[in-house]
Amino acid sequence: MIALEKRLAIKASLNSIQKELEALDLWSDGKNAPDKSAYKSTTPFYLDTMEFHQWLEFVLIPRMNQLLLQDGNLPENVNIHPYAQEIYRGKWQEYKELITKLREFDKLFN
């Protein structure tokens, strides 16, 4: 996949993840922003300071969109969906589409 095609696919994937979060009523449209101190976390997915869906809304999606907008260097390897599977363990049916969309996002980098 050439760079432009990949960037367009990533943007479409991010939009798809956002739409799924909205469908699950997990997207706050900026209203449920974590406190500024939450962004100082050094743990993966900021699991000690944010809910996973907050990390998607306030960290992953904005940062990826910024990289796309600035034509920045994209990560070479992304592996988010296994964490989502763990977070939503026992709730597979409810979160199946979100996990699937995150797996598709991961594949764009691997």
C-alpha atoms as a PDB file:
ATOM      1  CA  MET A   1       0.000   0.000   0.000  1.00  0.00           C
ATOM      2  CA  ILE A   2       1.516   3.348  -0.965  1.00  0.00           C
ATOM      3  CA  ALA A   3       1.758   6.126   1.584  1.00  0.00           C
ATOM      4  CA  LEU A   4      -1.302   8.120   0.475  1.00  0.00           C
ATOM      5  CA  GLU A   5      -3.493   5.038   0.228  1.00  0.00           C
ATOM      6  CA  LYS A   6      -2.341   3.915   3.666  1.00  0.00           C
ATOM      7  CA  ARG A   7      -3.037   7.319   5.186  1.00  0.00           C
ATOM      8  CA  LEU A   8      -6.530   7.387   3.674  1.00  0.00           C
ATOM      9  CA  ALA A   9      -7.187   3.876   4.988  1.00  0.00           C
ATOM     10  CA  ILE A  10      -6.010   4.888   8.463  1.00  0.00           C
ATOM     11  CA  LYS A  11      -8.261   7.970   8.440  1.00  0.00           C
ATOM     12  CA  ALA A  12     -11.230   5.850   7.361  1.00  0.00           C
ATOM     13  CA  SER A  13     -10.444   3.323  10.081  1.00  0.00           C
ATOM     14  CA  LEU A  14     -10.258   6.036  12.748  1.00  0.00           C
ATOM     15  CA  ASN A  15     -13.632   7.359  11.595  1.00  0.00           C
ATOM     16  CA  SER A  16     -15.050   3.843  11.784  1.00  0.00           C
ATOM     17  CA  ILE A  17     -13.765   3.402  15.347  1.00  0.00           C
ATOM     18  CA  GLN A  18     -15.292   6.732  16.344  1.00  0.00           C
ATOM     19  CA  LYS A  19     -18.652   5.792  14.827  1.00  0.00           C
ATOM     20  CA  GLU A  20     -18.615   2.508  16.744  1.00  0.00           C
ATOM     21  CA  LEU A  21     -17.815   4.315  19.996  1.00  0.00           C
ATOM     22  CA  GLU A  22     -20.745   6.620  19.270  1.00  0.00           C
ATOM     23  CA  ALA A  23     -23.013   3.620  18.615  1.00  0.00           C
ATOM     24  CA  LEU A  24     -21.938   2.147  21.966  1.00  0.00           C
ATOM     25  CA  ASP A  25     -22.605   5.506  23.632  1.00  0.00           C
ATOM     26  CA  LEU A  26     -18.940   5.697  24.693  1.00  0.00           C
ATOM     27  CA  TRP A  27     -17.986   8.751  22.634  1.00  0.00           C
ATOM     28  CA  SER A  28     -18.410  11.891  24.710  1.00  0.00           C
ATOM     29  CA  ASP A  29     -17.690  14.395  21.938  1.00  0.00           C
ATOM     30  CA  GLY A  30     -15.117  16.003  24.211  1.00  0.00           C
ATOM     31  CA  LYS A  31     -17.447  16.329  27.213  1.00  0.00           C
ATOM     32  CA  ASN A  32     -15.833  13.581  29.285  1.00  0.00           C
ATOM     33  CA  ALA A  33     -12.224  14.697  28.891  1.00  0.00           C
ATOM     34  CA  PRO A  34      -9.878  13.366  31.535  1.00  0.00           C
ATOM     35  CA  ASP A  35      -8.084  15.757  33.834  1.00  0.00           C
ATOM     36  CA  LYS A  36      -4.816  17.111  32.426  1.00  0.00           C
ATOM     37  CA  SER A  37      -2.850  15.032  34.918  1.00  0.00           C
ATOM     38  CA  ALA A  38      -4.252  11.865  33.297  1.00  0.00           C
ATOM     39  CA  TYR A  39      -2.116  12.526  30.230  1.00  0.00           C
ATOM     40  CA  LYS A  40       1.077  12.187  32.273  1.00  0.00           C
ATOM     41  CA  SER A  41       0.571   8.448  32.593  1.00  0.00           C
ATOM     42  CA  THR A  42       3.432   6.229  31.521  1.00  0.00           C
ATOM     43  CA  THR A  43       1.412   3.011  31.380  1.00  0.00           C
ATOM     44  CA  PRO A  44       0.182   1.554  28.085  1.00  0.00           C
ATOM     45  CA  PHE A  45      -3.229   2.880  27.092  1.00  0.00           C
ATOM     46  CA  TYR A  46      -3.065   5.146  30.169  1.00  0.00           C
ATOM     47  CA  LEU A  47      -4.853   2.340  31.981  1.00  0.00           C
ATOM     48  CA  ASP A  48      -4.078   3.876  35.357  1.00  0.00           C
ATOM     49  CA  THR A  49      -5.702   7.236  34.558  1.00  0.00           C
ATOM     50  CA  MET A  50      -8.381   6.680  31.881  1.00  0.00           C
ATOM     51  CA  GLU A  51     -11.025   4.277  30.744  1.00  0.00           C
ATOM     52  CA  PHE A  52     -10.057   2.524  27.498  1.00  0.00           C
ATOM     53  CA  HIS A  53     -12.749   4.330  25.498  1.00  0.00           C
ATOM     54  CA  GLN A  54     -11.425   7.655  26.835  1.00  0.00           C
ATOM     55  CA  TRP A  55      -7.941   6.726  25.661  1.00  0.00           C
ATOM     56  CA  LEU A  56      -9.351   6.013  22.201  1.00  0.00           C
ATOM     57  CA  GLU A  57     -11.240   9.317  22.089  1.00  0.00           C
ATOM     58  CA  PHE A  58      -8.720  11.624  23.711  1.00  0.00           C
ATOM     59  CA  VAL A  59      -5.344  10.070  22.918  1.00  0.00           C
ATOM     60  CA  LEU A  60      -5.265   7.605  20.028  1.00  0.00           C
ATOM     61  CA  ILE A  61      -7.673   9.206  17.577  1.00  0.00           C
ATOM     62  CA  PRO A  62      -6.473  12.819  18.029  1.00  0.00           C
ATOM     63  CA  ARG A  63      -2.791  11.851  17.901  1.00  0.00           C
ATOM     64  CA  MET A  64      -3.225   9.716  14.807  1.00  0.00           C
ATOM     65  CA  ASN A  65      -5.269  12.421  13.095  1.00  0.00           C
ATOM     66  CA  GLN A  66      -2.544  14.944  13.936  1.00  0.00           C
ATOM     67  CA  LEU A  67       0.124  12.675  12.442  1.00  0.00           C
ATOM     68  CA  LEU A  68      -1.972  12.274   9.313  1.00  0.00           C
ATOM     69  CA  LEU A  69      -2.598  16.008   9.053  1.00  0.00           C
ATOM     70  CA  GLN A  70       1.068  16.887   9.489  1.00  0.00           C
ATOM     71  CA  ASP A  71       2.235  14.023   7.270  1.00  0.00           C
ATOM     72  CA  GLY A  72       4.173  12.723  10.269  1.00  0.00           C
ATOM     73  CA  ASN A  73       5.893   9.399  10.676  1.00  0.00           C
ATOM     74  CA  LEU A  74       3.357   6.705  11.390  1.00  0.00           C
ATOM     75  CA  PRO A  75       4.023   3.880  13.834  1.00  0.00           C
ATOM     76  CA  GLU A  76       5.406   0.736  12.266  1.00  0.00           C
ATOM     77  CA  ASN A  77       3.524  -1.641  14.515  1.00  0.00           C
ATOM     78  CA  VAL A  78       0.193  -1.165  16.276  1.00  0.00           C
ATOM     79  CA  ASN A  79      -1.420  -3.798  18.447  1.00  0.00           C
ATOM     80  CA  ILE A  80      -4.475  -2.371  20.205  1.00  0.00           C
ATOM     81  CA  HIS A  81      -7.142  -5.029  19.725  1.00  0.00           C
ATOM     82  CA  PRO A  82      -5.656  -7.602  22.149  1.00  0.00           C
ATOM     83  CA  TYR A  83      -5.956  -5.032  24.925  1.00  0.00           C
ATOM     84  CA  ALA A  84      -9.543  -4.308  23.895  1.00  0.00           C
ATOM     85  CA  GLN A  85     -10.279  -8.040  24.022  1.00  0.00           C
ATOM     86  CA  GLU A  86      -8.939  -8.126  27.562  1.00  0.00           C
ATOM     87  CA  ILE A  87     -10.817  -5.009  28.676  1.00  0.00           C
ATOM     88  CA  TYR A  88     -14.105  -6.298  27.273  1.00  0.00           C
ATOM     89  CA  ARG A  89     -13.634  -9.918  28.343  1.00  0.00           C
ATOM     90  CA  GLY A  90     -17.026 -11.450  29.023  1.00  0.00           C
ATOM     91  CA  LYS A  91     -18.754  -8.712  27.008  1.00  0.00           C
ATOM     92  CA  TRP A  92     -17.771  -9.995  23.556  1.00  0.00           C
ATOM     93  CA  GLN A  93     -21.206  -9.636  21.975  1.00  0.00           C
ATOM     94  CA  GLU A  94     -21.575  -6.009  23.041  1.00  0.00           C
ATOM     95  CA  TYR A  95     -18.074  -4.955  21.958  1.00  0.00           C
ATOM     96  CA  LYS A  96     -17.479  -7.334  19.055  1.00  0.00           C
ATOM     97  CA  GLU A  97     -17.700  -4.604  16.383  1.00  0.00           C
ATOM     98  CA  LEU A  98     -15.357  -2.265  18.233  1.00  0.00           C
ATOM     99  CA  ILE A  99     -12.783  -5.018  18.709  1.00  0.00           C
ATOM    100  CA  THR A 100     -13.115  -5.964  15.033  1.00  0.00           C
ATOM    101  CA  LYS A 101     -12.576  -2.356  13.964  1.00  0.00           C
ATOM    102  CA  LEU A 102      -9.518  -2.102  16.207  1.00  0.00           C
ATOM    103  CA  ARG A 103      -8.139  -5.339  14.720  1.00  0.00           C
ATOM    104  CA  GLU A 104      -8.622  -3.875  11.235  1.00  0.00           C
ATOM    105  CA  PHE A 105      -6.834  -0.704  12.368  1.00  0.00           C
ATOM    106  CA  ASP A 106      -3.922  -2.761  13.711  1.00  0.00           C
ATOM    107  CA  LYS A 107      -3.598  -4.605  10.392  1.00  0.00           C
ATOM    108  CA  LEU A 108      -2.958  -1.316   8.594  1.00  0.00           C
ATOM    109  CA  PHE A 109       0.384  -1.112  10.416  1.00  0.00           C
ATOM    110  CA  ASN A 110       1.476  -4.747  10.548  1.00  0.00           C
END
